[in-house]
Amino acid sequence: MLVLKFIVLVILFLTFAGLADYLYHGKRWNRWVRFPLAIVCFVIGLELFQMAVMMLFDDFGVPMPSWMKWLMEE
């Protein structure tokens, strides 16, 4: 079940990243509509990416690199 959740997170991340790129570079809509939508899709994609990476370290037991340990300090 964890592997399926990880795969879904990665697919959603790639989908939102592609959608943000399409909205940013597309010419179909007005610029003032495209840019805020691209920013929203980009932020959602970053959150999904963060969830997938933390799932690797927390649930799958992949050791965290030493240069990333400062992210977990509180």
C-alpha atoms as a PDB file:
ATOM      1  CA  MET A   1       0.000   0.000   0.000  1.00  0.00           C
ATOM      2  CA  LEU A   2       2.889   2.375   0.725  1.00  0.00           C
ATOM      3  CA  VAL A   3       4.401   1.711  -2.680  1.00  0.00           C
ATOM      4  CA  LEU A   4       1.088   2.493  -4.363  1.00  0.00           C
ATOM      5  CA  LYS A   5       0.777   5.740  -2.388  1.00  0.00           C
ATOM      6  CA  PHE A   6       4.332   6.684  -3.361  1.00  0.00           C
ATOM      7  CA  ILE A   7       3.645   5.988  -7.043  1.00  0.00           C
ATOM      8  CA  VAL A   8       0.454   8.066  -6.940  1.00  0.00           C
ATOM      9  CA  LEU A   9       2.319  10.967  -5.294  1.00  0.00           C
ATOM     10  CA  VAL A  10       5.038  10.882  -7.948  1.00  0.00           C
ATOM     11  CA  ILE A  11       2.483  10.735 -10.786  1.00  0.00           C
ATOM     12  CA  LEU A  12       0.548  13.656  -9.299  1.00  0.00           C
ATOM     13  CA  PHE A  13       3.768  15.636  -8.822  1.00  0.00           C
ATOM     14  CA  LEU A  14       4.765  15.112 -12.447  1.00  0.00           C
ATOM     15  CA  THR A  15       1.253  15.995 -13.614  1.00  0.00           C
ATOM     16  CA  PHE A  16       1.198  19.273 -11.708  1.00  0.00           C
ATOM     17  CA  ALA A  17       4.738  20.109 -12.849  1.00  0.00           C
ATOM     18  CA  GLY A  18       3.739  19.524 -16.464  1.00  0.00           C
ATOM     19  CA  LEU A  19       0.552  21.532 -16.039  1.00  0.00           C
ATOM     20  CA  ALA A  20       2.484  24.431 -14.515  1.00  0.00           C
ATOM     21  CA  ASP A  21       4.916  24.351 -17.440  1.00  0.00           C
ATOM     22  CA  TYR A  22       2.058  24.222 -19.958  1.00  0.00           C
ATOM     23  CA  LEU A  23       0.261  27.135 -18.319  1.00  0.00           C
ATOM     24  CA  TYR A  24       3.416  29.236 -18.034  1.00  0.00           C
ATOM     25  CA  HIS A  25       4.574  28.723 -21.626  1.00  0.00           C
ATOM     26  CA  GLY A  26       1.174  28.362 -23.326  1.00  0.00           C
ATOM     27  CA  LYS A  27      -0.364  31.180 -25.322  1.00  0.00           C
ATOM     28  CA  ARG A  28      -3.989  30.067 -25.188  1.00  0.00           C
ATOM     29  CA  TRP A  29      -5.180  32.253 -22.303  1.00  0.00           C
ATOM     30  CA  ASN A  30      -4.501  35.750 -21.096  1.00  0.00           C
ATOM     31  CA  ARG A  31      -1.202  36.227 -19.281  1.00  0.00           C
ATOM     32  CA  TRP A  32      -2.921  37.426 -16.096  1.00  0.00           C
ATOM     33  CA  VAL A  33      -4.872  34.179 -15.923  1.00  0.00           C
ATOM     34  CA  ARG A  34      -2.019  31.851 -16.856  1.00  0.00           C
ATOM     35  CA  PHE A  35       0.659  33.058 -14.442  1.00  0.00           C
ATOM     36  CA  PRO A  36      -1.316  32.776 -11.168  1.00  0.00           C
ATOM     37  CA  LEU A  37      -2.602  29.344 -12.210  1.00  0.00           C
ATOM     38  CA  ALA A  38       0.943  28.259 -13.062  1.00  0.00           C
ATOM     39  CA  ILE A  39       2.166  29.439  -9.654  1.00  0.00           C
ATOM     40  CA  VAL A  40      -0.613  27.532  -7.870  1.00  0.00           C
ATOM     41  CA  CYS A  41       0.158  24.348  -9.833  1.00  0.00           C
ATOM     42  CA  PHE A  42       3.873  24.774  -9.134  1.00  0.00           C
ATOM     43  CA  VAL A  43       3.322  25.118  -5.375  1.00  0.00           C
ATOM     44  CA  ILE A  44       1.001  22.093  -5.299  1.00  0.00           C
ATOM     45  CA  GLY A  45       3.632  20.128  -7.236  1.00  0.00           C
ATOM     46  CA  LEU A  46       6.331  21.129  -4.738  1.00  0.00           C
ATOM     47  CA  GLU A  47       4.171  19.974  -1.831  1.00  0.00           C
ATOM     48  CA  LEU A  48       3.556  16.620  -3.529  1.00  0.00           C
ATOM     49  CA  PHE A  49       7.284  16.248  -4.200  1.00  0.00           C
ATOM     50  CA  GLN A  50       8.068  16.983  -0.553  1.00  0.00           C
ATOM     51  CA  MET A  51       5.524  14.389   0.568  1.00  0.00           C
ATOM     52  CA  ALA A  52       7.062  11.760  -1.742  1.00  0.00           C
ATOM     53  CA  VAL A  53      10.628  12.478  -0.572  1.00  0.00           C
ATOM     54  CA  MET A  54       9.700  12.399   3.106  1.00  0.00           C
ATOM     55  CA  MET A  55       7.856   9.144   2.482  1.00  0.00           C
ATOM     56  CA  LEU A  56      11.121   7.703   1.134  1.00  0.00           C
ATOM     57  CA  PHE A  57      12.996   8.642   4.292  1.00  0.00           C
ATOM     58  CA  ASP A  58      10.289   7.923   6.882  1.00  0.00           C
ATOM     59  CA  ASP A  59       8.356   4.935   5.571  1.00  0.00           C
ATOM     60  CA  PHE A  60      10.811   3.125   3.292  1.00  0.00           C
ATOM     61  CA  GLY A  61      13.859   3.538   5.521  1.00  0.00           C
ATOM     62  CA  VAL A  62      16.149   5.159   2.970  1.00  0.00           C
ATOM     63  CA  PRO A  63      18.980   6.816   4.922  1.00  0.00           C
ATOM     64  CA  MET A  64      18.888  10.593   4.783  1.00  0.00           C
ATOM     65  CA  PRO A  65      22.028  12.233   3.370  1.00  0.00           C
ATOM     66  CA  SER A  66      24.073  14.204   5.870  1.00  0.00           C
ATOM     67  CA  TRP A  67      23.572  17.462   3.977  1.00  0.00           C
ATOM     68  CA  MET A  68      19.782  17.131   4.435  1.00  0.00           C
ATOM     69  CA  LYS A  69      19.752  16.452   8.163  1.00  0.00           C
ATOM     70  CA  TRP A  70      19.533  20.155   9.009  1.00  0.00           C
ATOM     71  CA  LEU A  71      16.072  20.169   7.409  1.00  0.00           C
ATOM     72  CA  MET A  72      14.757  17.866  10.118  1.00  0.00           C
ATOM     73  CA  GLU A  73      16.183  19.829  13.064  1.00  0.00           C
ATOM     74  CA  GLU A  74      13.657  21.789  15.075  1.00  0.00           C
END
